[in-house]
Every structure is written in C-alpha cells, then in structure tokens.
C-alpha cells in the first residue's frame, strides 16, 4: 500500500507544476504584452480629442456604460501605466530567460512528481533537487525583479514568495517522510 505522503506530494507536485508551467509561459510573453500595451496607450494619448470622444462614446455604448462624452483614462492612470512599463532593457531579456528557466524547472518537477506516484526510488531525491534549484531560482528572480524597480518587478516578488513557501513545505514533507514504500523500479 502506498503511503499517504506519496499520493499527496505527488498530486500536489503535478498541480503546482502545471500552474508553474502556466506562469512560466506568461513570463515568456510578458515583454511582448508590455510593448503592445505601451503602444496602444501611447496611440490613445496622441489621438485627437474629437476621435477620442467618438471612440469613448461608441465603446461605452457597446458595453452599456453611460459615461460623459470624451472621457478617457485620467492622466494619473496613464502615468501609473508609464511607471509599470518603465523597466530597464535588461529586465525584458531577464523575463525571457527566467520564463525558459522556469519552464525547465517546472517540467522536471512534473516529471519527478509522476515518478513519485509510480513509486520510483529516485523520485524523492530528484524532486528535492529540483525544489532546491527552484528555491535558488526564485530568490535570484526576486532579486532581479527588485532591481528592475518597477511595479511589474514588485508583483513578481510576491508570486515568487508564494512559490518559495510551497517549495519549502514540499521539501520538508519529502525529507521527513518514511520512504520504505518506494521500490527499485
């Protein structure tokens, strides 16, 4: 009979790995999305006032919103977006690198979680190794995101803190668990 910790850690590992892969792909497209949003809002700011009024009224009518004609996002709102987009050039390259690195880490975590459910003897060691690599990566990514000094970087730090806690909890469970049910497969 399989120990409960094996089932729990294996299933949670699969779920968290899939969420990690999803987050990593989001990180890969972040620079492109930022450029698109920046271009879109910049064009919106440079539109003539009459075109802005017509665009705002027609979009409000489509959504069923009644707003004053010609209302666009306030200047403070646009300044907030400019702060969000104001990231150093190296941070865009870092986002791509960290996205690919996270894809690899979460892919190995998914693989080792499946191995754990199959009762492979080396699965706990592999899972512990990838969780430690993940912790080092998350701390490094948080430092880089903090150095970027943008809202986007700060929001990444919060997400990384969550994944650090998850990784530490899984590590503690794996290290302290009885591994007698694992076989030489």
N, C-alpha and C. Protein backbone atom coordinates (compact mmCIF):
# COMPACT_ATOMS: atom_id res chain seq x y z
N UNK A 1 0.84 -1.19 0.00
CA UNK A 1 0.00 0.00 0.00
C UNK A 1 0.89 1.25 0.00
N UNK A 2 0.49 2.22 -0.76
CA UNK A 2 1.23 3.46 -0.92
C UNK A 2 0.99 4.37 0.29
N UNK A 3 2.06 4.97 0.80
CA UNK A 3 1.93 5.92 1.90
C UNK A 3 1.15 7.14 1.43
N UNK A 4 0.44 7.77 2.37
CA UNK A 4 -0.36 8.95 2.03
C UNK A 4 0.51 10.11 1.54
N UNK A 5 1.69 10.26 2.14
CA UNK A 5 2.52 11.40 1.75
C UNK A 5 2.92 11.32 0.29
N UNK A 6 3.10 10.09 -0.21
CA UNK A 6 3.48 9.92 -1.62
C UNK A 6 2.36 10.41 -2.52
N UNK A 7 1.14 10.03 -2.21
CA UNK A 7 -0.01 10.46 -3.00
C UNK A 7 -0.21 11.96 -2.92
N UNK A 8 -0.15 12.49 -1.70
CA UNK A 8 -0.39 13.93 -1.51
C UNK A 8 0.69 14.76 -2.20
N UNK A 9 1.95 14.43 -1.96
CA UNK A 9 3.04 15.19 -2.56
C UNK A 9 3.04 15.01 -4.08
N UNK A 10 2.78 13.81 -4.56
CA UNK A 10 2.75 13.57 -6.00
C UNK A 10 1.65 14.35 -6.70
N UNK A 11 0.46 14.32 -6.14
CA UNK A 11 -0.66 15.05 -6.75
C UNK A 11 -0.44 16.56 -6.65
N UNK A 12 -0.03 17.04 -5.47
CA UNK A 12 0.25 18.47 -5.34
C UNK A 12 1.39 18.90 -6.25
N UNK A 13 2.39 18.04 -6.39
CA UNK A 13 3.50 18.35 -7.29
C UNK A 13 3.04 18.49 -8.73
N UNK A 14 2.13 17.63 -9.15
CA UNK A 14 1.59 17.72 -10.51
C UNK A 14 0.78 19.01 -10.68
N UNK A 15 -0.07 19.31 -9.71
CA UNK A 15 -0.90 20.53 -9.79
C UNK A 15 -0.01 21.77 -9.80
N UNK A 16 0.93 21.85 -8.85
CA UNK A 16 1.80 23.02 -8.77
C UNK A 16 2.69 23.13 -10.00
N UNK A 17 3.12 22.00 -10.54
CA UNK A 17 3.96 22.03 -11.74
C UNK A 17 3.18 22.58 -12.93
N UNK A 18 1.94 22.16 -13.07
CA UNK A 18 1.12 22.67 -14.17
C UNK A 18 0.89 24.18 -14.01
N UNK A 19 0.63 24.63 -12.79
CA UNK A 19 0.49 26.08 -12.55
C UNK A 19 1.80 26.80 -12.82
N UNK A 20 2.92 26.19 -12.46
CA UNK A 20 4.22 26.78 -12.72
C UNK A 20 4.52 26.90 -14.21
N UNK A 21 4.15 25.88 -14.97
CA UNK A 21 4.34 25.94 -16.43
C UNK A 21 3.47 27.06 -17.01
N UNK A 22 2.25 27.19 -16.52
CA UNK A 22 1.37 28.26 -16.98
C UNK A 22 1.97 29.63 -16.66
N UNK A 23 2.48 29.79 -15.44
CA UNK A 23 3.12 31.05 -15.06
C UNK A 23 4.38 31.33 -15.85
N UNK A 24 5.13 30.29 -16.16
CA UNK A 24 6.37 30.46 -16.94
C UNK A 24 6.05 30.93 -18.36
N UNK A 25 4.99 30.38 -18.96
CA UNK A 25 4.61 30.82 -20.30
C UNK A 25 4.12 32.26 -20.26
N UNK A 26 3.46 32.64 -19.18
CA UNK A 26 3.04 34.03 -19.02
C UNK A 26 4.27 34.93 -18.94
N UNK A 27 5.29 34.48 -18.22
CA UNK A 27 6.52 35.25 -18.12
C UNK A 27 7.22 35.39 -19.46
N UNK A 28 7.09 34.38 -20.32
CA UNK A 28 7.71 34.44 -21.64
C UNK A 28 7.06 35.50 -22.53
N UNK A 29 5.75 35.67 -22.41
CA UNK A 29 5.06 36.63 -23.28
C UNK A 29 4.96 38.03 -22.65
N UNK A 30 5.39 38.18 -21.40
CA UNK A 30 5.27 39.46 -20.72
C UNK A 30 5.93 40.61 -21.49
N UNK A 31 7.17 40.48 -21.97
CA UNK A 31 7.76 41.61 -22.71
C UNK A 31 6.94 42.01 -23.94
N UNK A 32 6.42 41.05 -24.68
CA UNK A 32 5.63 41.37 -25.87
C UNK A 32 4.31 42.04 -25.49
N UNK A 33 3.68 41.56 -24.44
CA UNK A 33 2.43 42.16 -23.98
C UNK A 33 2.67 43.59 -23.49
N UNK A 34 3.76 43.80 -22.77
CA UNK A 34 4.09 45.14 -22.30
C UNK A 34 4.28 46.11 -23.46
N UNK A 35 5.00 45.67 -24.49
CA UNK A 35 5.21 46.54 -25.65
C UNK A 35 3.90 46.85 -26.35
N UNK A 36 3.03 45.85 -26.48
CA UNK A 36 1.74 46.05 -27.12
C UNK A 36 0.89 47.05 -26.33
N UNK A 37 0.83 46.88 -25.01
CA UNK A 37 0.05 47.80 -24.18
C UNK A 37 0.63 49.21 -24.23
N UNK A 38 1.92 49.31 -24.19
CA UNK A 38 2.57 50.62 -24.25
C UNK A 38 2.22 51.33 -25.56
N UNK A 39 2.31 50.58 -26.65
CA UNK A 39 1.98 51.15 -27.96
C UNK A 39 0.51 51.57 -28.03
N UNK A 40 -0.37 50.72 -27.50
CA UNK A 40 -1.79 51.01 -27.54
C UNK A 40 -2.13 52.27 -26.74
N UNK A 41 -1.62 52.38 -25.52
CA UNK A 41 -1.92 53.54 -24.69
C UNK A 41 -1.23 54.80 -25.20
N UNK A 42 -0.06 54.66 -25.80
CA UNK A 42 0.61 55.82 -26.38
C UNK A 42 -0.20 56.36 -27.55
N UNK A 43 -0.72 55.48 -28.39
CA UNK A 43 -1.56 55.92 -29.51
C UNK A 43 -2.83 56.57 -28.99
N UNK A 44 -3.37 56.05 -27.90
CA UNK A 44 -4.59 56.61 -27.34
C UNK A 44 -4.34 58.04 -26.85
N UNK A 45 -3.19 58.28 -26.27
CA UNK A 45 -2.87 59.61 -25.78
C UNK A 45 -2.67 60.61 -26.91
N UNK A 46 -2.18 60.14 -28.06
CA UNK A 46 -1.88 61.05 -29.16
C UNK A 46 -3.06 61.23 -30.11
N UNK A 47 -4.17 60.55 -29.88
CA UNK A 47 -5.35 60.70 -30.74
C UNK A 47 -5.92 62.11 -30.57
N UNK A 48 -6.44 62.69 -31.63
CA UNK A 48 -7.11 63.99 -31.48
C UNK A 48 -8.32 63.85 -30.55
N UNK A 49 -8.66 64.93 -29.86
CA UNK A 49 -9.73 64.89 -28.86
C UNK A 49 -11.06 64.47 -29.47
N UNK A 50 -11.36 64.88 -30.70
CA UNK A 50 -12.64 64.53 -31.32
C UNK A 50 -12.72 63.03 -31.57
N UNK A 51 -11.63 62.42 -32.00
CA UNK A 51 -11.60 60.97 -32.23
C UNK A 51 -11.71 60.24 -30.91
N UNK A 52 -11.05 60.78 -29.87
CA UNK A 52 -11.14 60.16 -28.55
C UNK A 52 -12.58 60.17 -28.06
N UNK A 53 -13.27 61.29 -28.26
CA UNK A 53 -14.65 61.40 -27.80
C UNK A 53 -15.52 60.38 -28.50
N UNK A 54 -15.38 60.26 -29.83
CA UNK A 54 -16.17 59.30 -30.58
C UNK A 54 -15.85 57.87 -30.16
N UNK A 55 -14.58 57.55 -29.95
CA UNK A 55 -14.17 56.21 -29.55
C UNK A 55 -14.71 55.87 -28.18
N UNK A 56 -14.64 56.82 -27.26
CA UNK A 56 -15.10 56.57 -25.90
C UNK A 56 -16.61 56.37 -25.87
N UNK A 57 -17.36 57.19 -26.62
CA UNK A 57 -18.81 57.08 -26.62
C UNK A 57 -19.23 55.77 -27.25
N UNK A 58 -18.63 55.39 -28.41
CA UNK A 58 -19.04 54.14 -29.07
C UNK A 58 -18.68 52.92 -28.23
N UNK A 59 -17.53 52.92 -27.58
CA UNK A 59 -17.17 51.77 -26.75
C UNK A 59 -18.05 51.70 -25.51
N UNK A 60 -18.41 52.87 -24.95
CA UNK A 60 -19.30 52.88 -23.79
C UNK A 60 -20.69 52.38 -24.16
N UNK A 61 -21.16 52.74 -25.35
CA UNK A 61 -22.47 52.29 -25.79
C UNK A 61 -22.48 50.78 -26.00
N UNK A 62 -21.41 50.23 -26.55
CA UNK A 62 -21.32 48.79 -26.77
C UNK A 62 -21.34 48.03 -25.45
N UNK A 63 -20.70 48.60 -24.43
CA UNK A 63 -20.63 47.92 -23.14
C UNK A 63 -21.82 48.27 -22.24
N UNK A 64 -22.68 49.18 -22.68
CA UNK A 64 -23.83 49.56 -21.86
C UNK A 64 -23.47 50.49 -20.72
N UNK A 65 -22.36 51.20 -20.85
CA UNK A 65 -21.90 52.11 -19.81
C UNK A 65 -22.26 53.51 -20.23
N UNK A 66 -22.78 54.27 -19.29
CA UNK A 66 -23.08 55.67 -19.62
C UNK A 66 -22.04 56.54 -18.97
N UNK A 67 -21.19 57.10 -19.79
CA UNK A 67 -20.13 57.98 -19.31
C UNK A 67 -20.22 59.29 -20.07
N UNK A 68 -19.61 60.29 -19.52
CA UNK A 68 -19.60 61.58 -20.19
C UNK A 68 -18.83 61.46 -21.49
N UNK A 69 -19.32 62.12 -22.55
CA UNK A 69 -18.62 62.04 -23.83
C UNK A 69 -17.18 62.53 -23.69
N UNK A 70 -16.30 61.79 -24.34
CA UNK A 70 -14.90 62.20 -24.38
C UNK A 70 -14.10 61.82 -23.15
N UNK A 71 -14.66 61.00 -22.28
CA UNK A 71 -13.88 60.63 -21.10
C UNK A 71 -12.93 59.51 -21.44
N UNK A 72 -11.71 59.72 -21.14
CA UNK A 72 -10.67 58.72 -21.33
C UNK A 72 -10.00 58.51 -19.99
N UNK A 73 -9.14 57.53 -19.89
CA UNK A 73 -8.45 57.34 -18.61
C UNK A 73 -7.79 58.63 -18.15
N UNK A 74 -7.92 58.95 -16.87
CA UNK A 74 -7.30 60.18 -16.37
C UNK A 74 -5.79 60.15 -16.52
N UNK A 75 -5.20 61.31 -16.48
CA UNK A 75 -3.75 61.46 -16.66
C UNK A 75 -2.99 60.64 -15.60
N UNK A 76 -3.51 60.59 -14.37
CA UNK A 76 -2.84 59.82 -13.30
C UNK A 76 -2.80 58.34 -13.65
N UNK A 77 -3.89 57.86 -14.27
CA UNK A 77 -3.96 56.47 -14.68
C UNK A 77 -2.89 56.17 -15.72
N UNK A 78 -2.74 57.08 -16.67
CA UNK A 78 -1.73 56.90 -17.71
C UNK A 78 -0.33 56.96 -17.13
N UNK A 79 -0.12 57.82 -16.15
CA UNK A 79 1.20 57.91 -15.50
C UNK A 79 1.52 56.61 -14.77
N UNK A 80 0.50 55.99 -14.17
CA UNK A 80 0.70 54.71 -13.49
C UNK A 80 1.14 53.64 -14.48
N UNK A 81 0.50 53.62 -15.64
CA UNK A 81 0.90 52.66 -16.66
C UNK A 81 2.32 52.93 -17.15
N UNK A 82 2.68 54.18 -17.28
CA UNK A 82 4.04 54.50 -17.72
C UNK A 82 5.07 54.01 -16.70
N UNK A 83 4.75 54.10 -15.41
CA UNK A 83 5.66 53.58 -14.39
C UNK A 83 5.76 52.06 -14.50
N UNK A 84 4.64 51.40 -14.81
CA UNK A 84 4.66 49.95 -14.94
C UNK A 84 5.51 49.53 -16.13
N UNK A 85 5.43 50.28 -17.22
CA UNK A 85 6.20 49.93 -18.42
C UNK A 85 7.64 50.35 -18.33
N UNK A 86 7.95 51.21 -17.43
CA UNK A 86 9.30 51.76 -17.32
C UNK A 86 10.23 50.75 -16.65
N UNK A 87 10.61 49.73 -17.40
CA UNK A 87 11.52 48.72 -16.90
C UNK A 87 12.82 48.83 -17.68
N UNK A 88 13.93 48.51 -17.04
CA UNK A 88 15.21 48.55 -17.76
C UNK A 88 15.20 47.54 -18.92
N UNK A 89 15.99 47.82 -19.92
CA UNK A 89 16.05 46.95 -21.10
C UNK A 89 16.50 45.54 -20.70
N UNK A 90 17.41 45.41 -19.74
CA UNK A 90 17.89 44.09 -19.34
C UNK A 90 16.78 43.26 -18.71
N UNK A 91 15.77 43.91 -18.12
CA UNK A 91 14.70 43.17 -17.46
C UNK A 91 13.83 42.43 -18.47
N UNK A 92 13.69 42.98 -19.66
CA UNK A 92 12.94 42.27 -20.70
C UNK A 92 13.66 40.98 -21.10
N UNK A 93 14.98 41.07 -21.25
CA UNK A 93 15.76 39.85 -21.56
C UNK A 93 15.72 38.88 -20.38
N UNK A 94 15.78 39.42 -19.16
CA UNK A 94 15.71 38.57 -17.97
C UNK A 94 14.37 37.85 -17.92
N UNK A 95 13.28 38.53 -18.28
CA UNK A 95 11.96 37.90 -18.27
C UNK A 95 11.91 36.71 -19.20
N UNK A 96 12.52 36.85 -20.37
CA UNK A 96 12.57 35.72 -21.31
C UNK A 96 13.41 34.57 -20.74
N UNK A 97 14.59 34.91 -20.22
CA UNK A 97 15.45 33.89 -19.64
C UNK A 97 14.76 33.18 -18.47
N UNK A 98 14.16 33.97 -17.57
CA UNK A 98 13.53 33.36 -16.40
C UNK A 98 12.31 32.54 -16.80
N UNK A 99 11.63 32.94 -17.87
CA UNK A 99 10.50 32.14 -18.35
C UNK A 99 10.95 30.78 -18.85
N UNK A 100 12.03 30.76 -19.64
CA UNK A 100 12.54 29.47 -20.12
C UNK A 100 13.10 28.62 -18.98
N UNK A 101 13.80 29.26 -18.04
CA UNK A 101 14.33 28.53 -16.89
C UNK A 101 13.20 27.93 -16.05
N UNK A 102 12.16 28.72 -15.82
CA UNK A 102 11.03 28.23 -15.04
C UNK A 102 10.32 27.08 -15.75
N UNK A 103 10.21 27.16 -17.08
CA UNK A 103 9.61 26.05 -17.84
C UNK A 103 10.39 24.76 -17.61
N UNK A 104 11.71 24.86 -17.66
CA UNK A 104 12.54 23.67 -17.42
C UNK A 104 12.39 23.14 -16.00
N UNK A 105 12.43 24.04 -15.03
CA UNK A 105 12.32 23.62 -13.63
C UNK A 105 10.97 22.96 -13.36
N UNK A 106 9.90 23.61 -13.81
CA UNK A 106 8.57 23.04 -13.55
C UNK A 106 8.34 21.77 -14.36
N UNK A 107 8.98 21.65 -15.53
CA UNK A 107 8.87 20.42 -16.29
C UNK A 107 9.51 19.24 -15.57
N UNK A 108 10.69 19.47 -15.00
CA UNK A 108 11.35 18.42 -14.22
C UNK A 108 10.55 18.10 -12.95
N UNK A 109 9.97 19.11 -12.35
CA UNK A 109 9.13 18.90 -11.16
C UNK A 109 7.91 18.04 -11.51
N UNK A 110 7.31 18.29 -12.66
CA UNK A 110 6.18 17.48 -13.11
C UNK A 110 6.61 16.03 -13.33
N UNK A 111 7.72 15.86 -14.00
CA UNK A 111 8.26 14.53 -14.27
C UNK A 111 8.55 13.77 -12.96
N UNK A 112 9.21 14.44 -12.02
CA UNK A 112 9.56 13.76 -10.77
C UNK A 112 8.32 13.50 -9.90
N UNK A 113 7.30 14.33 -10.00
CA UNK A 113 6.05 14.08 -9.25
C UNK A 113 5.35 12.84 -9.80
N UNK A 114 5.36 12.70 -11.12
CA UNK A 114 4.78 11.49 -11.73
C UNK A 114 5.58 10.26 -11.32
N UNK A 115 6.90 10.38 -11.31
CA UNK A 115 7.75 9.27 -10.85
C UNK A 115 7.45 8.90 -9.41
N UNK A 116 7.20 9.90 -8.59
CA UNK A 116 6.88 9.63 -7.18
C UNK A 116 5.60 8.82 -7.07
N UNK A 117 4.60 9.17 -7.85
CA UNK A 117 3.35 8.40 -7.84
C UNK A 117 3.55 6.98 -8.36
N UNK A 118 4.57 6.80 -9.19
CA UNK A 118 4.88 5.45 -9.69
C UNK A 118 5.80 4.69 -8.74
N UNK A 119 6.09 5.27 -7.60
CA UNK A 119 6.91 4.66 -6.54
C UNK A 119 8.35 4.41 -6.96
N UNK A 120 8.90 5.24 -7.82
CA UNK A 120 10.31 5.11 -8.21
C UNK A 120 11.19 5.54 -7.05
N UNK A 121 12.23 4.77 -6.80
CA UNK A 121 13.09 5.01 -5.65
C UNK A 121 13.82 6.36 -5.71
N UNK A 122 14.22 6.78 -6.90
CA UNK A 122 14.97 8.03 -7.05
C UNK A 122 14.08 9.28 -7.11
N UNK A 123 12.77 9.11 -7.12
CA UNK A 123 11.85 10.24 -7.26
C UNK A 123 12.00 11.27 -6.13
N UNK A 124 12.07 10.86 -4.86
CA UNK A 124 12.20 11.88 -3.81
C UNK A 124 13.49 12.69 -3.94
N UNK A 125 14.59 12.03 -4.29
CA UNK A 125 15.86 12.73 -4.46
C UNK A 125 15.79 13.72 -5.62
N UNK A 126 15.19 13.30 -6.74
CA UNK A 126 15.04 14.18 -7.89
C UNK A 126 14.11 15.35 -7.56
N UNK A 127 13.02 15.06 -6.87
CA UNK A 127 12.07 16.12 -6.51
C UNK A 127 12.71 17.11 -5.53
N UNK A 128 13.46 16.60 -4.56
CA UNK A 128 14.16 17.50 -3.63
C UNK A 128 15.17 18.36 -4.38
N UNK A 129 15.90 17.76 -5.30
CA UNK A 129 16.88 18.52 -6.07
C UNK A 129 16.25 19.63 -6.89
N UNK A 130 15.14 19.32 -7.56
CA UNK A 130 14.50 20.34 -8.39
C UNK A 130 13.85 21.41 -7.52
N UNK A 131 13.37 21.05 -6.33
CA UNK A 131 12.79 22.06 -5.44
C UNK A 131 13.87 23.00 -4.90
N UNK A 132 15.05 22.46 -4.64
CA UNK A 132 16.16 23.31 -4.19
C UNK A 132 16.61 24.24 -5.31
N UNK A 133 16.72 23.70 -6.53
CA UNK A 133 17.05 24.55 -7.68
C UNK A 133 15.98 25.62 -7.86
N UNK A 134 14.72 25.24 -7.67
CA UNK A 134 13.62 26.19 -7.79
C UNK A 134 13.74 27.31 -6.76
N UNK A 135 14.10 26.96 -5.53
CA UNK A 135 14.26 27.98 -4.48
C UNK A 135 15.38 28.96 -4.84
N UNK A 136 16.50 28.43 -5.31
CA UNK A 136 17.61 29.31 -5.72
C UNK A 136 17.17 30.21 -6.87
N UNK A 137 16.47 29.63 -7.84
CA UNK A 137 15.98 30.41 -8.97
C UNK A 137 15.00 31.49 -8.52
N UNK A 138 14.07 31.15 -7.63
CA UNK A 138 13.06 32.12 -7.17
C UNK A 138 13.71 33.29 -6.42
N UNK A 139 14.70 32.99 -5.60
CA UNK A 139 15.41 34.06 -4.88
C UNK A 139 16.16 34.95 -5.88
N UNK A 140 16.84 34.34 -6.84
CA UNK A 140 17.56 35.10 -7.86
C UNK A 140 16.59 35.95 -8.68
N UNK A 141 15.47 35.37 -9.06
CA UNK A 141 14.47 36.09 -9.85
C UNK A 141 13.88 37.24 -9.04
N UNK A 142 13.68 37.04 -7.75
CA UNK A 142 13.15 38.11 -6.90
C UNK A 142 14.14 39.26 -6.79
N UNK A 143 15.42 38.93 -6.67
CA UNK A 143 16.45 39.99 -6.60
C UNK A 143 16.47 40.77 -7.91
N UNK A 144 16.46 40.07 -9.04
CA UNK A 144 16.46 40.75 -10.34
C UNK A 144 15.20 41.59 -10.51
N UNK A 145 14.06 41.07 -10.09
CA UNK A 145 12.81 41.82 -10.21
C UNK A 145 12.82 43.05 -9.32
N UNK A 146 13.39 42.93 -8.14
CA UNK A 146 13.51 44.09 -7.25
C UNK A 146 14.44 45.15 -7.82
N UNK A 147 15.52 44.71 -8.45
CA UNK A 147 16.46 45.66 -9.06
C UNK A 147 15.84 46.40 -10.24
N UNK A 148 14.85 45.78 -10.88
CA UNK A 148 14.19 46.44 -12.00
C UNK A 148 13.43 47.67 -11.52
N UNK A 149 12.95 47.64 -10.27
CA UNK A 149 12.33 48.81 -9.68
C UNK A 149 11.00 49.22 -10.28
N UNK A 150 10.30 48.30 -10.91
CA UNK A 150 9.00 48.65 -11.49
C UNK A 150 7.90 47.91 -10.75
N UNK A 151 6.68 48.32 -11.03
CA UNK A 151 5.53 47.66 -10.43
C UNK A 151 5.48 46.20 -10.84
N UNK A 152 5.81 45.92 -12.08
CA UNK A 152 5.81 44.55 -12.58
C UNK A 152 6.81 43.69 -11.81
N UNK A 153 7.99 44.24 -11.56
CA UNK A 153 9.00 43.51 -10.81
C UNK A 153 8.56 43.24 -9.38
N UNK A 154 7.92 44.21 -8.76
CA UNK A 154 7.45 44.02 -7.39
C UNK A 154 6.34 42.98 -7.31
N UNK A 155 5.48 42.94 -8.31
CA UNK A 155 4.42 41.93 -8.30
C UNK A 155 5.00 40.53 -8.49
N UNK A 156 6.10 40.43 -9.24
CA UNK A 156 6.78 39.14 -9.41
C UNK A 156 7.35 38.63 -8.10
N UNK A 157 7.83 39.55 -7.27
CA UNK A 157 8.39 39.17 -5.97
C UNK A 157 7.34 38.50 -5.11
N UNK A 158 6.12 39.03 -5.13
CA UNK A 158 5.03 38.45 -4.33
C UNK A 158 4.72 37.02 -4.78
N UNK A 159 4.66 36.82 -6.09
CA UNK A 159 4.41 35.47 -6.61
C UNK A 159 5.55 34.51 -6.27
N UNK A 160 6.77 35.00 -6.36
CA UNK A 160 7.93 34.16 -6.03
C UNK A 160 7.93 33.77 -4.56
N UNK A 161 7.49 34.68 -3.68
CA UNK A 161 7.42 34.37 -2.25
C UNK A 161 6.45 33.23 -2.00
N UNK A 162 5.32 33.23 -2.70
CA UNK A 162 4.35 32.14 -2.56
C UNK A 162 4.98 30.81 -2.97
N UNK A 163 5.65 30.79 -4.12
CA UNK A 163 6.25 29.55 -4.60
C UNK A 163 7.40 29.09 -3.71
N UNK A 164 8.10 30.02 -3.07
CA UNK A 164 9.15 29.65 -2.11
C UNK A 164 8.53 28.89 -0.93
N UNK A 165 7.43 29.39 -0.42
CA UNK A 165 6.75 28.73 0.71
C UNK A 165 6.29 27.33 0.30
N UNK A 166 5.68 27.21 -0.88
CA UNK A 166 5.22 25.91 -1.37
C UNK A 166 6.40 24.95 -1.50
N UNK A 167 7.50 25.42 -2.07
CA UNK A 167 8.68 24.56 -2.26
C UNK A 167 9.27 24.10 -0.93
N UNK A 168 9.34 25.00 0.04
CA UNK A 168 9.88 24.64 1.35
C UNK A 168 8.99 23.62 2.04
N UNK A 169 7.68 23.80 1.98
CA UNK A 169 6.76 22.84 2.62
C UNK A 169 6.90 21.46 1.97
N UNK A 170 6.94 21.42 0.64
CA UNK A 170 7.11 20.13 -0.03
C UNK A 170 8.45 19.49 0.33
N UNK A 171 9.50 20.28 0.40
CA UNK A 171 10.81 19.76 0.80
C UNK A 171 10.78 19.15 2.18
N UNK A 172 10.16 19.84 3.12
CA UNK A 172 10.09 19.34 4.50
C UNK A 172 9.34 18.02 4.54
N UNK A 173 8.22 17.94 3.83
CA UNK A 173 7.44 16.70 3.82
C UNK A 173 8.26 15.56 3.22
N UNK A 174 8.94 15.81 2.12
CA UNK A 174 9.71 14.74 1.45
C UNK A 174 10.88 14.28 2.32
N UNK A 175 11.60 15.24 2.89
CA UNK A 175 12.79 14.89 3.67
C UNK A 175 12.42 14.11 4.93
N UNK A 176 11.33 14.47 5.56
CA UNK A 176 10.96 13.84 6.84
C UNK A 176 10.10 12.59 6.69
N UNK A 177 9.66 12.29 5.48
CA UNK A 177 8.76 11.16 5.27
C UNK A 177 9.51 9.83 5.24
N UNK A 178 8.75 8.77 5.55
CA UNK A 178 9.28 7.42 5.50
C UNK A 178 9.21 6.95 4.04
N UNK A 179 10.35 6.49 3.53
CA UNK A 179 10.42 6.15 2.11
C UNK A 179 10.45 4.63 1.88
N UNK A 180 9.96 3.87 2.80
CA UNK A 180 10.01 2.41 2.70
C UNK A 180 9.14 1.85 1.58
N UNK A 181 8.12 2.59 1.14
CA UNK A 181 7.22 2.10 0.09
C UNK A 181 7.78 2.25 -1.32
N UNK A 182 8.88 2.96 -1.44
CA UNK A 182 9.45 3.17 -2.77
C UNK A 182 10.26 1.96 -3.20
N UNK A 183 10.19 1.64 -4.49
CA UNK A 183 10.83 0.43 -4.99
C UNK A 183 12.02 0.78 -5.89
N UNK A 184 12.68 -0.23 -6.36
CA UNK A 184 13.86 -0.09 -7.23
C UNK A 184 13.51 0.01 -8.70
N UNK A 185 12.31 0.38 -9.03
CA UNK A 185 11.87 0.40 -10.44
C UNK A 185 12.64 1.38 -11.26
